[in-house]
Protein backbone atom coordinates (compact mmCIF):
# COMPACT_ATOMS: atom_id res chain seq x y z
CA MET A 1 48.00 90.77 132.49
CA ALA A 2 48.43 89.93 128.80
CA GLY A 3 50.69 87.01 127.93
CA THR A 4 50.38 85.23 131.27
CA GLU A 5 47.98 82.47 130.24
CA ILE A 6 49.74 79.12 130.17
CA ARG A 7 49.39 77.04 127.02
CA LYS A 8 50.50 73.49 126.42
CA HIS A 9 52.23 72.71 123.12
CA SER A 10 53.28 69.33 121.80
CA VAL A 11 56.88 69.06 120.55
CA ARG A 12 59.00 66.19 119.25
CA LEU A 13 62.25 65.55 121.13
CA ALA A 14 64.57 62.62 120.43
CA GLY A 15 61.89 60.92 118.34
CA HIS A 16 59.06 61.13 120.88
CA ARG A 17 56.31 63.64 121.51
CA THR A 18 56.14 65.56 124.76
CA SER A 19 54.13 68.51 126.01
CA VAL A 20 55.58 71.78 127.21
CA SER A 21 53.55 74.30 129.20
CA LEU A 22 54.59 77.95 128.96
CA GLU A 23 52.98 81.35 129.16
CA ASP A 24 51.90 82.90 125.84
CA ALA A 25 54.60 85.57 126.15
CA PHE A 26 57.34 82.90 126.26
CA TRP A 27 55.88 81.03 123.26
CA ALA A 28 55.82 84.26 121.27
CA GLU A 29 59.42 85.07 122.17
CA LEU A 30 60.63 81.55 121.40
CA LYS A 31 58.99 81.76 117.96
CA ARG A 32 60.65 85.14 117.38
CA LEU A 33 64.06 83.82 118.44
CA ALA A 34 63.72 80.74 116.24
CA ALA A 35 62.88 82.93 113.24
CA LEU A 36 65.81 85.20 114.07
CA ASP A 37 68.13 82.16 114.18
CA GLY A 38 66.70 80.75 110.94
CA CYS A 39 65.43 77.56 112.52
CA SER A 40 62.11 76.01 113.46
CA LEU A 41 60.61 76.33 116.90
CA ASN A 42 61.08 72.58 117.37
CA GLU A 43 64.78 72.85 116.44
CA LEU A 44 65.27 75.63 118.98
CA ILE A 45 63.50 73.65 121.71
CA THR A 46 65.60 70.58 120.85
CA GLU A 47 68.77 72.66 121.25
CA VAL A 48 67.66 73.97 124.65
CA ASP A 49 66.65 70.44 125.67
CA SER A 50 70.15 69.15 124.90
CA MET A 51 71.73 71.72 127.26
CA ARG A 52 69.30 71.60 130.18
CA SER A 53 69.74 70.14 133.63
CA GLY A 54 66.27 70.90 135.08
CA ASN A 55 62.79 70.67 133.61
CA LEU A 56 62.22 71.76 130.03
CA SER A 57 59.69 74.52 130.74
CA GLY A 58 62.06 76.17 133.19
CA ALA A 59 65.01 75.76 130.83
CA LEU A 60 63.06 77.47 128.04
CA ARG A 61 62.12 80.39 130.29
CA VAL A 62 65.75 80.85 131.35
CA TYR A 63 66.89 80.59 127.72
CA VAL A 64 64.51 83.39 126.69
CA LEU A 65 65.63 85.52 129.62
CA GLU A 66 69.31 85.02 128.81
CA ARG A 67 68.79 85.85 125.13
CA LEU A 68 66.88 89.02 126.02
CA LYS A 69 69.57 90.09 128.48
CA ALA A 70 72.28 89.51 125.86
CA SER A 71 70.60 91.74 123.27
């Protein structure tokens, strides 16, 4: 199935680099949402990171799902 391959991306959070592993489909949607919001992908991930209680990859998936459900 297209979009299901997991890719690791390096992002900077709170001044340090970390890696986030997500499926291609989630990366594409996060990039689209960041552009829609007029911010960078890293800024969007930082915002999600500040609100999360679990792991970052899971928080990003839930964020995408919630945004899609709200539209």
